[in-house]
């Protein structure tokens, strides 16, 4: 395994770390993006550990910081973060293709990294698939039913009469709409459905994981299919729901579980189409 720092972009202001096998590497590479303001190491070094495990499967992985995050300098552009991040991903792709002769890429990561990956051009020949951990989701009728049922069961389990009475009162109160959640700004459901359709039509691989950290907007595996009934969710989609894991996978066992799932997907699905 070889790990080295790679600077690229205008005046080499962007900084990343490439992790690659010394020989016999696959032509598909992984690009791991920042999650919020976290650096390229990821939450609790998740991106570091994932990169090294993927290298054991002969994949090259590049994790870099967007401008203004971690080791990368802020550019002078007045464009929005989403616009700049898309351009910086393209710069990374160009550098990796030229220097390491990679053909195409799996792009993504956790939370806002998934948001950025979803906005990539689905018709870009450099994109082979998306890695989406706790991406946007939209609450459905079944979501609300399960949400209410869980609240009732928790209250009954506690045998707390006062809490039970308060819960009954809450059932008659309006429930916060998805757009009112103070979490992060999601694209419209129609926009995400269209993006997913375009990626699947181009035979891109989609690996999607929702954790228990997304409970405020996602609470059962079938919700994903309920959200997009008009979308042809075919065999190129691999979906997992890990309700016992938190958003950042604080516990090592949760990070190991997530890494194992991604590596199994890389070995069985990504290599199948390599």
Protein backbone atom coordinates (compact mmCIF):
# COMPACT_ATOMS: atom_id res chain seq x y z
CA UNK A 1 0.00 0.00 0.00
CA UNK A 2 1.18 3.50 -0.88
CA UNK A 3 -0.16 6.70 0.66
CA UNK A 4 0.91 10.10 -0.61
CA UNK A 5 -0.23 13.70 -0.50
CA UNK A 6 -1.54 15.15 -3.75
CA UNK A 7 -1.96 18.88 -4.39
CA UNK A 8 -3.97 20.06 -7.37
CA UNK A 9 -6.16 22.82 -8.71
CA UNK A 10 -5.33 26.49 -9.19
CA UNK A 11 -2.00 27.24 -7.46
CA UNK A 12 -2.19 23.76 -5.91
CA UNK A 13 -4.61 25.11 -3.31
CA UNK A 14 -6.49 21.80 -2.94
CA UNK A 15 -4.96 19.02 -0.87
CA UNK A 16 -5.81 15.33 -0.62
CA UNK A 17 -4.34 11.94 0.23
CA UNK A 18 -4.28 9.11 -2.26
CA UNK A 19 -4.19 5.54 -0.98
CA UNK A 20 -3.34 2.95 -3.60
CA UNK A 21 -1.93 -0.54 -4.06
CA UNK A 22 1.66 -0.71 -5.27
CA UNK A 23 0.60 -2.75 -8.32
CA UNK A 24 -2.34 -4.50 -10.01
CA UNK A 25 -4.82 -1.75 -9.20
CA UNK A 26 -8.30 -1.57 -10.71
CA UNK A 27 -9.19 1.14 -13.19
CA UNK A 28 -12.11 2.30 -11.04
CA UNK A 29 -11.18 4.61 -8.17
CA UNK A 30 -13.05 5.94 -5.15
CA UNK A 31 -13.27 9.64 -4.27
CA UNK A 32 -14.35 10.37 -0.69
CA UNK A 33 -15.68 13.86 0.03
CA UNK A 34 -15.82 16.04 3.15
CA UNK A 35 -18.74 15.59 5.50
CA UNK A 36 -19.68 19.10 6.50
CA UNK A 37 -16.64 20.83 7.97
CA UNK A 38 -14.88 17.58 8.86
CA UNK A 39 -11.49 17.13 7.23
CA UNK A 40 -10.58 14.45 4.70
CA UNK A 41 -9.89 11.95 7.51
CA UNK A 42 -13.63 11.68 8.11
CA UNK A 43 -15.52 11.22 11.36
CA UNK A 44 -13.34 9.20 13.75
CA UNK A 45 -10.96 8.56 10.81
CA UNK A 46 -13.65 6.65 8.93
CA UNK A 47 -12.37 7.76 5.50
CA UNK A 48 -8.82 6.72 6.40
CA UNK A 49 -9.89 3.24 7.48
CA UNK A 50 -12.20 2.79 4.48
CA UNK A 51 -9.46 3.89 2.06
CA UNK A 52 -7.02 1.35 3.46
CA UNK A 53 -9.54 -1.48 3.38
CA UNK A 54 -10.41 -0.68 -0.24
CA UNK A 55 -6.73 -0.72 -1.08
CA UNK A 56 -6.60 -4.31 0.18
CA UNK A 57 -9.07 -5.00 -2.64
CA UNK A 58 -6.73 -3.26 -5.12
CA UNK A 59 -8.80 -0.07 -5.39
CA UNK A 60 -7.25 3.39 -5.46
CA UNK A 61 -8.96 5.86 -3.11
CA UNK A 62 -8.60 9.63 -2.98
CA UNK A 63 -9.90 11.69 -0.06
CA UNK A 64 -9.47 15.43 -0.37
CA UNK A 65 -10.59 18.65 1.30
CA UNK A 66 -12.85 21.10 -0.47
CA UNK A 67 -11.57 24.66 -0.59
CA UNK A 68 -11.62 26.28 2.85
CA UNK A 69 -11.83 22.95 4.71
CA UNK A 70 -8.95 21.10 6.34
CA UNK A 71 -5.68 21.60 4.46
CA UNK A 72 -7.18 23.15 1.32
CA UNK A 73 -7.09 26.90 0.80
CA UNK A 74 -10.16 28.90 -0.04
CA UNK A 75 -10.38 30.05 -3.64
CA UNK A 76 -11.31 33.51 -4.81
CA UNK A 77 -14.46 32.36 -6.60
CA UNK A 78 -17.76 33.98 -5.64
CA UNK A 79 -19.73 30.87 -6.61
CA UNK A 80 -21.84 28.91 -4.14
CA UNK A 81 -20.36 25.99 -2.21
CA UNK A 82 -22.29 23.46 -4.31
CA UNK A 83 -21.00 25.00 -7.55
CA UNK A 84 -17.42 25.15 -6.26
CA UNK A 85 -17.51 21.61 -4.85
CA UNK A 86 -18.69 20.21 -8.20
CA UNK A 87 -15.83 21.99 -9.97
CA UNK A 88 -13.31 20.74 -7.39
CA UNK A 89 -14.52 17.16 -7.79
CA UNK A 90 -13.95 17.50 -11.54
CA UNK A 91 -10.44 18.85 -10.92
CA UNK A 92 -9.72 15.84 -8.71
CA UNK A 93 -11.04 13.46 -11.37
CA UNK A 94 -8.89 15.09 -14.05
CA UNK A 95 -5.77 14.86 -11.88
CA UNK A 96 -6.37 11.21 -11.00
CA UNK A 97 -7.00 10.24 -14.60
CA UNK A 98 -3.83 11.94 -15.80
CA UNK A 99 -1.48 10.87 -13.02
CA UNK A 100 -2.80 7.41 -12.15
CA UNK A 101 -4.56 6.42 -15.39
CA UNK A 102 -7.88 5.64 -13.71
CA UNK A 103 -10.90 5.31 -16.00
CA UNK A 104 -13.89 6.11 -13.79
CA UNK A 105 -14.91 6.77 -10.21
CA UNK A 106 -17.25 6.04 -7.34
CA UNK A 107 -17.88 9.37 -5.59
CA UNK A 108 -19.53 10.20 -2.29
CA UNK A 109 -19.44 9.91 1.46
CA UNK A 110 -21.47 10.84 4.52
CA UNK A 111 -24.18 13.49 4.89
CA UNK A 112 -23.29 16.61 2.86
CA UNK A 113 -20.77 14.49 0.90
CA UNK A 114 -23.74 12.44 -0.31
CA UNK A 115 -25.58 15.66 -1.18
CA UNK A 116 -22.66 16.86 -3.33
CA UNK A 117 -22.32 13.49 -5.06
CA UNK A 118 -26.02 13.43 -5.95
CA UNK A 119 -25.65 16.72 -7.81
CA UNK A 120 -22.91 15.43 -10.12
CA UNK A 121 -23.78 15.17 -13.79
CA UNK A 122 -25.30 11.73 -14.29
CA UNK A 123 -24.16 11.81 -17.93
CA UNK A 124 -20.50 12.29 -17.01
CA UNK A 125 -18.56 9.31 -18.38
CA UNK A 126 -16.11 9.63 -15.50
CA UNK A 127 -18.78 8.73 -12.94
CA UNK A 128 -19.40 5.03 -12.39
CA UNK A 129 -21.40 5.19 -9.19
CA UNK A 130 -22.30 7.00 -5.99
CA UNK A 131 -21.58 6.13 -2.36
CA UNK A 132 -24.33 7.76 -0.27
CA UNK A 133 -24.42 7.54 3.53
CA UNK A 134 -27.45 9.25 5.12
CA UNK A 135 -28.39 11.10 1.93
CA UNK A 136 -31.58 13.21 1.71
CA UNK A 137 -34.88 11.49 2.41
CA UNK A 138 -38.53 12.50 2.48
CA UNK A 139 -41.07 11.51 5.09
CA UNK A 140 -43.98 9.43 3.83
CA UNK A 141 -47.34 8.34 5.25
CA UNK A 142 -45.81 5.09 6.45
CA UNK A 143 -42.98 7.04 8.07
CA UNK A 144 -45.49 8.95 10.22
CA UNK A 145 -47.37 5.78 11.16
CA UNK A 146 -44.17 4.07 12.30
CA UNK A 147 -43.03 7.23 14.07
CA UNK A 148 -46.27 7.41 16.08
CA UNK A 149 -46.26 3.68 16.83
CA UNK A 150 -42.72 3.84 18.21
CA UNK A 151 -43.65 6.74 20.44
CA UNK A 152 -46.64 4.81 21.81
CA UNK A 153 -44.54 1.70 22.44
CA UNK A 154 -41.85 3.70 24.23
CA UNK A 155 -44.46 5.31 26.44
CA UNK A 156 -46.19 2.02 27.24
CA UNK A 157 -42.84 0.47 28.05
CA UNK A 158 -42.11 3.22 30.55
CA UNK A 159 -45.56 2.83 32.21
CA UNK A 160 -45.55 6.58 32.76
CA UNK A 161 -49.16 7.77 32.83
CA UNK A 162 -48.27 11.46 32.57
CA UNK A 163 -46.14 10.88 29.50
CA UNK A 164 -48.95 8.79 28.03
CA UNK A 165 -51.44 11.63 28.44
CA UNK A 166 -49.00 14.12 26.91
CA UNK A 167 -48.45 11.80 23.96
CA UNK A 168 -52.18 11.60 23.28
CA UNK A 169 -52.28 15.40 23.19
CA UNK A 170 -49.36 15.49 20.76
CA UNK A 171 -51.21 13.25 18.33
CA UNK A 172 -53.68 16.08 17.76
CA UNK A 173 -50.86 18.57 17.14
CA UNK A 174 -49.45 19.28 13.67
CA UNK A 175 -46.26 17.38 12.85
CA UNK A 176 -43.29 19.33 11.57
CA UNK A 177 -42.97 19.18 7.83
CA UNK A 178 -39.75 17.95 6.24
CA UNK A 179 -38.99 21.44 4.92
CA UNK A 180 -39.14 22.80 8.47
CA UNK A 181 -36.49 20.46 9.85
CA UNK A 182 -33.50 22.42 11.04
CA UNK A 183 -31.03 19.86 9.78
CA UNK A 184 -29.76 20.58 6.29
CA UNK A 185 -31.26 21.80 3.06
CA UNK A 186 -32.53 18.94 0.93
CA UNK A 187 -33.30 19.25 -2.78
CA UNK A 188 -36.94 18.74 -3.66
CA UNK A 189 -38.16 15.15 -3.81
CA UNK A 190 -38.74 15.55 -7.55
CA UNK A 191 -35.15 16.75 -8.09
CA UNK A 192 -33.70 13.78 -6.22
CA UNK A 193 -35.99 11.34 -8.02
CA UNK A 194 -34.87 12.78 -11.36
CA UNK A 195 -31.19 12.54 -10.37
CA UNK A 196 -31.57 8.93 -9.25
CA UNK A 197 -33.37 8.04 -12.47
CA UNK A 198 -30.62 9.58 -14.58
CA UNK A 199 -27.88 7.70 -12.73
CA UNK A 200 -29.72 4.39 -12.99
CA UNK A 201 -30.49 4.94 -16.68
CA UNK A 202 -26.75 5.35 -17.21
CA UNK A 203 -26.13 2.04 -15.40
CA UNK A 204 -24.38 3.76 -12.52
CA UNK A 205 -24.02 1.81 -9.29
CA UNK A 206 -25.71 3.27 -6.22
CA UNK A 207 -24.76 2.25 -2.69
CA UNK A 208 -27.08 3.85 -0.13
CA UNK A 209 -27.02 3.52 3.66
CA UNK A 210 -29.33 5.15 6.16
CA UNK A 211 -28.39 4.99 9.84
CA UNK A 212 -30.30 5.56 13.05
CA UNK A 213 -28.92 9.08 12.91
CA UNK A 214 -31.44 9.85 10.17
CA UNK A 215 -34.41 8.93 12.37
CA UNK A 216 -35.93 12.40 12.11
CA UNK A 217 -36.61 11.78 8.40
CA UNK A 218 -36.03 8.05 7.72
CA UNK A 219 -37.21 5.18 9.93
CA UNK A 220 -37.61 2.00 7.85
CA UNK A 221 -35.87 0.44 4.86
CA UNK A 222 -38.90 0.36 2.57
CA UNK A 223 -39.33 4.10 2.98
CA UNK A 224 -36.81 4.65 0.21
CA UNK A 225 -39.04 2.81 -2.26
CA UNK A 226 -42.10 4.64 -0.94
CA UNK A 227 -40.36 7.98 -1.56
CA UNK A 228 -39.73 7.33 -5.25
CA UNK A 229 -42.55 5.15 -6.63
CA UNK A 230 -41.96 6.53 -10.15
CA UNK A 231 -38.26 5.66 -10.12
CA UNK A 232 -36.96 2.43 -11.62
CA UNK A 233 -34.91 1.21 -8.67
CA UNK A 234 -33.15 -1.69 -10.34
CA UNK A 235 -30.39 -4.16 -9.52
CA UNK A 236 -27.71 -1.45 -9.63
CA UNK A 237 -29.06 -0.07 -6.35
CA UNK A 238 -27.82 -1.54 -3.06
CA UNK A 239 -29.69 -0.24 -0.02
CA UNK A 240 -29.00 -0.83 3.68
CA UNK A 241 -30.64 0.44 6.85
CA UNK A 242 -28.58 0.42 10.06
CA UNK A 243 -30.96 1.71 12.76
CA UNK A 244 -28.59 0.89 15.63
CA UNK A 245 -25.75 3.01 14.21
CA UNK A 246 -25.58 6.75 14.80
CA UNK A 247 -24.95 9.33 12.08
CA UNK A 248 -21.17 9.52 12.67
CA UNK A 249 -20.70 5.84 13.59
CA UNK A 250 -19.04 6.79 16.84
CA UNK A 251 -18.60 3.18 17.96
CA UNK A 252 -15.84 1.24 16.23
CA UNK A 253 -18.12 -1.75 15.71
CA UNK A 254 -20.51 0.47 13.74
CA UNK A 255 -17.70 1.87 11.58
CA UNK A 256 -16.39 -1.65 10.97
CA UNK A 257 -19.87 -2.82 9.96
CA UNK A 258 -20.27 0.05 7.50
CA UNK A 259 -16.80 -0.49 6.03
CA UNK A 260 -17.51 -4.21 5.60
CA UNK A 261 -20.73 -3.44 3.71
CA UNK A 262 -18.97 -0.98 1.39
CA UNK A 263 -16.09 -3.38 0.74
CA UNK A 264 -18.48 -6.25 -0.01
CA UNK A 265 -20.27 -3.98 -2.49
CA UNK A 266 -16.95 -2.95 -4.05
CA UNK A 267 -15.84 -6.56 -4.36
CA UNK A 268 -19.10 -7.99 -5.67
CA UNK A 269 -20.76 -5.16 -7.60
CA UNK A 270 -18.11 -2.63 -8.58
CA UNK A 271 -15.64 -5.29 -9.71
CA UNK A 272 -18.40 -7.09 -11.62
CA UNK A 273 -18.70 -4.08 -13.91
CA UNK A 274 -15.03 -3.03 -13.83
